[in-house]
Amino acid sequence: MPSPLLTLPGAVAAEGVDAEVAAHYGSFNVEQRTLAAGDGFVDLSHRGVFRVTGPDRLTYLHAMTTQHLERLQPGVPTEALVLSPQGHVEHHFRGVDDGETFTGHVEPGRVAALVEFLDRMRFMMRVEVTDATADLAVAWRPSLVEQVAQQPSSRPGSPVVEQVAQQPSSRPGEGPGKYDLIPRDQLEKYAAAAGPACGLWAFEALRIARGEPRFGVDTDHRTIPNEMGWVGPAVHLDKGCYRGQETVARVHTLGRPPRRLVLLHLDGSENALPRPGETVTLPGPGGAPGKPVGFVGSSARHHELGPIALGLVKRNVSVESQLDIAGMPAAQEVLVDPEVGLHVRPRLG
């Protein structure tokens, strides 16, 4: 469903899985500055939306995911993962409960698989899982607002549901903002009230600068939560059993994830950005061929930092090492501590 906001002046469609929304509306640098100043909104209506209804919905989601959802209060935003039995990330979603329905949203093209999985695992639970993408659209705004006890309903025809992100930002003016769920037939009315419209390129640049990974772009089939900094934001360590828990707990206790997410500051001398999946190498001594140590995920041009990217590299790569991506030098900024166990073990004793 291409977004109706692609008809706005200056709109240029993004590519690939993001092709249904605008990459920019004329100037992604201006749009970044608009968002960083706390103004504007971003059309994310290509994201998939799902609902879970029924009296057992929170107990059910609590058992199925990495997050503590059993006593989730209405209006409090959350994010969670579904893991494989081996602890690999299979699904990532954000969502909010309104007291009667949990409404979540996922990366484009991924809602059907998640709905199928959740529906298949209901057994005797009093829940119903449905794909609500045709009814609801997602948007993002940078404005930070205080959490409230109650939020409007997320069912069709209802007012906007505001979701306040919980992760703090280390960059002034570039906080994680909040997600809005909007009746899809009211998207143009929402845009008129929430403008100016800012494109996905601006949103992605700020997301990457926050060190916030995107599932399916910055991850692969082997990714575990510990590698991505998801322990805390999306993984609750004291919630009891869930599928894949053993891997998460073991790696957390030992404190050494096999790989780590890193923010890469790219050499800006070339007018190019690496492609998702491009190999990250550690240059050899004296010009020797580089050694593959990981891959790059999403990349963007930040209005202050210049070209940046998120990479997933082996844990034992020194944080001081300069890396290389297809001939492009890249300096590291630590996002996931390779020696997190040094901080965890004293508390476990």
Protein backbone atom coordinates (compact mmCIF):
# COMPACT_ATOMS: atom_id res chain seq x y z
CA MET A 1 0.00 0.00 0.00
CA PRO A 2 1.97 3.06 -1.20
CA SER A 3 1.50 5.93 1.24
CA PRO A 4 -0.86 8.74 0.18
CA LEU A 5 1.82 11.10 1.53
CA LEU A 6 3.95 10.29 -1.53
CA THR A 7 1.77 12.87 -3.27
CA LEU A 8 3.08 15.67 -1.03
CA PRO A 9 5.23 18.31 -2.79
CA GLY A 10 8.83 17.17 -3.33
CA ALA A 11 8.23 13.59 -2.17
CA VAL A 12 10.75 11.06 -3.52
CA ALA A 13 10.02 7.41 -2.79
CA ALA A 14 12.55 5.31 -0.92
CA GLU A 15 13.79 1.98 -2.30
CA GLY A 16 13.50 -1.71 -1.50
CA VAL A 17 11.28 -2.62 1.46
CA ASP A 18 10.87 1.09 2.20
CA ALA A 19 9.58 2.01 -1.26
CA GLU A 20 6.04 2.69 -0.04
CA VAL A 21 7.09 5.82 1.90
CA ALA A 22 9.15 8.91 1.09
CA ALA A 23 12.93 8.92 1.37
CA HIS A 24 12.79 12.72 1.48
CA TYR A 25 10.67 15.71 0.51
CA GLY A 26 13.39 17.76 -1.15
CA SER A 27 16.24 18.07 1.38
CA PHE A 28 17.08 15.31 3.82
CA ASN A 29 19.60 17.57 5.62
CA VAL A 30 16.96 20.21 6.32
CA GLU A 31 14.57 17.45 7.38
CA GLN A 32 17.15 16.02 9.81
CA ARG A 33 17.60 19.41 11.40
CA THR A 34 13.84 19.80 11.66
CA LEU A 35 13.53 16.50 13.52
CA ALA A 36 16.58 17.21 15.68
CA ALA A 37 14.92 20.47 16.73
CA GLY A 38 11.86 18.50 17.90
CA ASP A 39 9.56 19.39 15.03
CA GLY A 40 7.91 17.50 12.16
CA PHE A 41 7.00 13.83 11.71
CA VAL A 42 8.08 10.80 9.67
CA ASP A 43 5.73 8.60 7.66
CA LEU A 44 6.35 4.95 8.60
CA SER A 45 3.03 3.68 7.25
CA HIS A 46 4.78 0.82 5.45
CA ARG A 47 5.36 -0.91 8.80
CA GLY A 48 3.13 -3.87 9.60
CA VAL A 49 0.63 -3.59 12.46
CA PHE A 50 -0.94 -6.40 14.50
CA ARG A 51 -3.42 -6.69 17.37
CA VAL A 52 -3.72 -9.20 20.19
CA THR A 53 -7.07 -9.18 21.98
CA GLY A 54 -8.64 -11.31 24.72
CA PRO A 55 -8.35 -11.56 28.51
CA ASP A 56 -5.16 -13.67 28.36
CA ARG A 57 -3.31 -11.46 25.86
CA LEU A 58 -0.63 -10.09 28.24
CA THR A 59 -0.02 -13.44 29.94
CA TYR A 60 0.30 -14.99 26.49
CA LEU A 61 2.70 -12.35 25.13
CA HIS A 62 4.69 -12.52 28.36
CA ALA A 63 5.23 -16.26 27.80
CA MET A 64 6.04 -15.94 24.09
CA THR A 65 8.52 -13.04 24.18
CA THR A 66 11.63 -11.74 25.93
CA GLN A 67 9.77 -8.87 27.62
CA HIS A 68 7.94 -8.71 30.96
CA LEU A 69 4.41 -8.00 29.70
CA GLU A 70 2.20 -9.78 32.23
CA ARG A 71 1.56 -6.60 34.23
CA LEU A 72 2.04 -4.06 31.43
CA GLN A 73 0.04 -0.93 32.25
CA PRO A 74 -2.24 0.73 29.68
CA GLY A 75 -0.45 3.36 27.64
CA VAL A 76 3.09 2.28 28.55
CA PRO A 77 5.13 1.59 25.40
CA THR A 78 7.36 -1.45 25.15
CA GLU A 79 9.44 -3.47 22.72
CA ALA A 80 10.06 -7.19 22.67
CA LEU A 81 11.69 -10.04 20.77
CA VAL A 82 10.67 -13.53 19.77
CA LEU A 83 13.64 -15.89 19.81
CA SER A 84 14.35 -19.28 18.32
CA PRO A 85 15.04 -22.16 20.74
CA GLN A 86 18.75 -21.45 20.15
CA GLY A 87 18.33 -17.79 21.16
CA HIS A 88 18.50 -16.22 17.69
CA VAL A 89 16.23 -13.22 17.07
CA GLU A 90 13.28 -14.16 14.87
CA HIS A 91 10.99 -11.14 15.44
CA HIS A 92 11.22 -7.65 16.93
CA PHE A 93 8.20 -5.46 17.64
CA ARG A 94 7.16 -2.30 19.47
CA GLY A 95 3.73 -1.85 20.95
CA VAL A 96 1.33 -0.58 23.57
CA ASP A 97 -1.70 -1.97 25.41
CA ASP A 98 -4.85 0.12 25.94
CA GLY A 99 -6.43 -2.07 28.61
CA GLU A 100 -8.33 -4.23 26.10
CA THR A 101 -6.00 -4.70 23.12
CA PHE A 102 -2.25 -4.92 22.59
CA THR A 103 -1.30 -3.21 19.32
CA GLY A 104 2.21 -3.69 17.94
CA HIS A 105 4.15 -2.82 14.81
CA VAL A 106 7.03 -4.45 12.96
CA GLU A 107 9.37 -3.93 10.04
CA PRO A 108 7.72 -3.84 6.60
CA GLY A 109 6.90 -7.24 5.17
CA ARG A 110 7.23 -9.09 8.48
CA VAL A 111 3.80 -8.88 10.09
CA ALA A 112 2.31 -11.97 8.40
CA ALA A 113 5.03 -14.27 9.74
CA LEU A 114 4.69 -12.91 13.27
CA VAL A 115 0.88 -13.16 13.24
CA GLU A 116 1.12 -16.73 11.97
CA PHE A 117 3.58 -17.69 14.70
CA LEU A 118 1.59 -16.06 17.50
CA ASP A 119 -1.68 -17.53 16.27
CA ARG A 120 -0.15 -21.00 16.02
CA MET A 121 1.09 -20.85 19.62
CA ARG A 122 -2.22 -19.87 21.25
CA PHE A 123 -3.24 -23.37 22.37
CA MET A 124 -5.87 -22.91 25.11
CA MET A 125 -5.20 -19.22 25.72
CA ARG A 126 -8.14 -16.82 25.34
CA VAL A 127 -6.54 -14.57 22.73
CA GLU A 128 -7.02 -13.58 19.11
CA VAL A 129 -4.20 -12.36 16.89
CA THR A 130 -4.98 -10.32 13.75
CA ASP A 131 -3.14 -8.36 11.09
CA ALA A 132 -4.26 -4.71 11.46
CA THR A 133 -2.05 -3.17 8.77
CA ALA A 134 -5.03 -2.29 6.59
CA ASP A 135 -6.60 -0.36 9.49
CA LEU A 136 -3.68 1.40 11.16
CA ALA A 137 -0.63 3.33 9.97
CA VAL A 138 2.56 4.18 11.89
CA ALA A 139 4.24 7.57 12.14
CA TRP A 140 7.08 8.90 14.30
CA ARG A 141 7.53 12.26 15.95
CA PRO A 142 10.64 13.55 17.76
CA SER A 143 8.74 15.47 20.44
CA LEU A 144 9.27 14.02 23.90
CA VAL A 145 6.12 13.90 26.02
CA GLU A 146 5.49 12.55 29.49
CA GLN A 147 3.97 9.10 29.82
CA VAL A 148 0.37 9.03 30.99
CA ALA A 149 -1.65 6.33 32.69
CA GLN A 150 -4.23 5.95 29.92
CA GLN A 151 -4.11 6.21 26.15
CA PRO A 152 -6.88 6.28 23.51
CA SER A 153 -8.04 3.03 21.96
CA SER A 154 -6.10 1.59 19.01
CA ARG A 155 -9.13 0.15 17.24
CA PRO A 156 -10.23 1.44 13.80
CA GLY A 157 -11.72 4.91 13.80
CA SER A 158 -10.18 5.81 17.16
CA PRO A 159 -7.90 8.80 17.90
CA VAL A 160 -4.15 8.56 17.53
CA VAL A 161 -2.36 6.26 19.98
CA GLU A 162 0.82 7.90 21.25
CA GLN A 163 3.74 5.67 22.17
CA VAL A 164 6.56 7.30 24.12
CA ALA A 165 9.96 5.71 23.54
CA GLN A 166 11.86 4.79 26.70
CA GLN A 167 15.50 4.79 25.65
CA PRO A 168 17.47 7.94 26.54
CA SER A 169 19.47 9.78 23.91
CA SER A 170 23.09 10.78 24.31
CA ARG A 171 22.79 13.48 21.65
CA PRO A 172 20.89 16.66 22.63
CA GLY A 173 17.88 17.30 20.43
CA GLU A 174 17.95 13.81 18.95
CA GLY A 175 15.92 11.79 21.43
CA PRO A 176 14.08 8.66 20.33
CA GLY A 177 10.72 10.43 20.23
CA LYS A 178 7.48 8.50 20.01
CA TYR A 179 5.50 6.35 17.62
CA ASP A 180 1.90 7.15 16.70
CA LEU A 181 -0.67 4.64 15.48
CA ILE A 182 -3.19 6.36 13.24
CA PRO A 183 -6.34 5.12 11.52
CA ARG A 184 -5.04 4.66 7.99
CA ASP A 185 -7.85 6.67 6.43
CA GLN A 186 -6.84 9.64 8.63
CA LEU A 187 -3.16 9.68 7.64
CA GLU A 188 -3.45 12.78 5.43
CA LYS A 189 -5.36 14.65 8.16
CA TYR A 190 -2.63 13.63 10.65
CA ALA A 191 0.07 14.92 8.27
CA ALA A 192 -1.63 18.29 7.93
CA ALA A 193 -1.69 18.68 11.72
CA ALA A 194 1.73 17.18 12.56
CA GLY A 195 3.85 18.62 9.72
CA PRO A 196 6.28 19.40 8.33
CA ALA A 197 6.77 15.99 6.75
CA CYS A 198 10.31 14.59 6.98
CA GLY A 199 11.55 11.59 5.05
CA LEU A 200 12.92 8.19 5.97
CA TRP A 201 16.52 9.22 5.21
CA ALA A 202 16.37 11.83 7.98
CA PHE A 203 14.78 9.36 10.39
CA GLU A 204 17.39 6.70 9.61
CA ALA A 205 20.32 9.07 10.11
CA LEU A 206 19.10 9.99 13.59
CA ARG A 207 18.30 6.36 14.42
CA ILE A 208 21.78 5.21 13.43
CA ALA A 209 23.36 8.03 15.46
CA ARG A 210 21.39 6.80 18.50
CA GLY A 211 22.86 3.33 17.99
CA GLU A 212 19.40 1.83 17.58
CA PRO A 213 19.53 -1.34 15.41
CA ARG A 214 16.93 -2.15 12.79
CA PHE A 215 15.83 -5.77 12.70
CA GLY A 216 16.55 -7.44 9.35
CA VAL A 217 19.01 -4.72 8.29
CA ASP A 218 21.51 -4.58 11.14
CA THR A 219 20.91 -8.22 12.10
CA ASP A 220 21.32 -11.62 10.44
CA HIS A 221 19.99 -15.11 11.10
CA ARG A 222 22.61 -15.72 13.82
CA THR A 223 21.96 -12.54 15.81
CA ILE A 224 21.32 -12.91 19.55
CA PRO A 225 19.96 -10.04 21.70
CA ASN A 226 23.20 -9.60 23.68
CA GLU A 227 25.05 -8.54 20.53
CA MET A 228 22.66 -5.71 19.71
CA GLY A 229 22.23 -3.94 23.04
CA TRP A 230 18.68 -5.30 23.32
CA VAL A 231 19.22 -6.71 26.84
CA GLY A 232 17.36 -4.08 28.82
CA PRO A 233 15.25 -2.29 26.19
CA ALA A 234 13.71 -5.47 24.73
CA VAL A 235 14.87 -8.29 27.03
CA HIS A 236 13.85 -8.51 30.69
CA LEU A 237 16.30 -10.57 32.72
CA ASP A 238 13.98 -11.37 35.64
CA LYS A 239 10.77 -12.46 33.95
CA GLY A 240 11.04 -16.26 34.04
CA CYS A 241 11.18 -18.76 31.20
CA TYR A 242 10.80 -18.02 27.51
CA ARG A 243 12.05 -19.63 24.32
CA GLY A 244 15.77 -18.97 23.83
CA GLN A 245 16.27 -17.79 27.41
CA GLU A 246 19.17 -20.17 28.08
CA THR A 247 21.34 -18.54 25.41
CA VAL A 248 20.57 -15.01 26.58
CA ALA A 249 21.22 -15.87 30.24
CA ARG A 250 24.43 -17.79 29.52
CA VAL A 251 25.96 -15.05 27.36
CA HIS A 252 24.87 -12.36 29.83
CA THR A 253 26.40 -14.24 32.77
CA LEU A 254 29.65 -14.96 30.94
CA GLY A 255 29.55 -11.40 29.67
CA ARG A 256 31.12 -11.99 26.28
CA PRO A 257 28.75 -11.88 23.31
CA PRO A 258 30.36 -13.38 20.20
CA ARG A 259 29.79 -10.16 18.23
CA ARG A 260 28.99 -6.55 19.12
CA LEU A 261 27.08 -3.70 17.52
CA VAL A 262 29.26 -0.69 16.75
CA LEU A 263 28.69 2.80 15.36
CA LEU A 264 31.03 3.34 12.43
CA HIS A 265 32.26 6.82 11.50
CA LEU A 266 33.06 6.56 7.81
CA ASP A 267 35.66 8.41 5.78
CA GLY A 268 33.70 11.15 4.05
CA SER A 269 36.16 11.78 1.22
CA GLU A 270 34.12 9.63 -1.16
CA ASN A 271 30.53 10.39 -2.08
CA ALA A 272 29.33 6.87 -1.32
CA LEU A 273 27.75 4.83 1.44
CA PRO A 274 28.30 1.09 1.98
CA ARG A 275 25.57 -1.33 0.96
CA PRO A 276 23.80 -3.34 3.66
CA GLY A 277 25.67 -6.61 4.14
CA GLU A 278 29.02 -5.21 2.94
CA THR A 279 31.94 -7.00 4.61
CA VAL A 280 33.81 -5.17 7.37
CA THR A 281 37.53 -6.03 7.41
CA LEU A 282 40.43 -5.44 9.78
CA PRO A 283 43.37 -4.19 7.68
CA GLY A 284 46.47 -6.35 7.83
CA PRO A 285 49.93 -5.08 8.82
CA GLY A 286 51.99 -3.37 6.16
CA GLY A 287 49.17 -3.31 3.63
CA ALA A 288 48.45 -7.03 3.88
CA PRO A 289 44.96 -8.16 2.83
CA GLY A 290 42.31 -7.37 5.41
CA LYS A 291 40.66 -10.01 7.58
CA PRO A 292 36.82 -10.18 7.52
CA VAL A 293 35.50 -9.38 10.99
CA GLY A 294 31.80 -8.59 10.39
CA PHE A 295 29.31 -6.77 8.21
CA VAL A 296 27.76 -3.34 7.90
CA GLY A 297 24.01 -2.86 8.21
CA SER A 298 22.31 0.50 7.77
CA SER A 299 24.15 3.67 6.80
CA ALA A 300 23.27 7.32 6.32
CA ARG A 301 24.62 10.85 6.10
CA HIS A 302 24.15 12.64 9.40
CA HIS A 303 23.79 16.42 9.36
CA GLU A 304 26.57 16.81 11.97
CA LEU A 305 28.48 13.52 12.14
CA GLY A 306 28.81 13.00 8.39
CA PRO A 307 28.60 9.47 6.93
CA ILE A 308 27.84 6.87 9.61
CA ALA A 309 26.77 3.24 9.73
CA LEU A 310 25.96 0.44 12.14
CA GLY A 311 28.15 -2.65 11.97
CA LEU A 312 28.19 -6.03 13.67
CA VAL A 313 31.78 -7.11 14.33
CA LYS A 314 33.53 -9.86 16.23
CA ARG A 315 33.85 -9.24 19.94
CA ASN A 316 37.63 -9.65 20.01
CA VAL A 317 38.26 -6.81 17.51
CA SER A 318 39.99 -4.04 19.46
CA VAL A 319 37.75 -1.00 19.95
CA GLU A 320 40.75 1.12 18.93
CA SER A 321 41.21 -0.56 15.55
CA GLN A 322 40.38 1.28 12.35
CA LEU A 323 38.23 -0.90 10.13
CA ASP A 324 37.68 -0.98 6.39
CA ILE A 325 34.52 -1.33 4.29
CA ALA A 326 35.21 -1.87 0.58
CA GLY A 327 38.24 0.42 0.77
CA MET A 328 36.51 3.01 2.96
CA PRO A 329 38.21 3.60 6.35
CA ALA A 330 35.89 3.48 9.37
CA ALA A 331 36.50 4.43 13.01
CA GLN A 332 34.55 2.73 15.79
CA GLU A 333 32.33 4.16 18.51
CA VAL A 334 31.44 1.52 21.12
CA LEU A 335 27.74 0.66 21.47
CA VAL A 336 27.96 -2.83 23.00
CA ASP A 337 30.82 -3.25 25.45
CA PRO A 338 32.98 -6.26 24.44
CA GLU A 339 33.84 -6.78 28.11
CA VAL A 340 30.37 -6.35 29.56
CA GLY A 341 31.01 -9.38 31.78
CA LEU A 342 33.50 -7.38 33.83
CA HIS A 343 30.57 -5.20 34.92
CA VAL A 344 28.00 -8.00 35.27
CA ARG A 345 29.92 -10.55 37.32
CA PRO A 346 30.44 -8.42 40.46
CA ARG A 347 26.67 -7.99 40.75
CA LEU A 348 26.10 -11.73 40.27
CA GLY A 349 28.42 -12.59 43.13
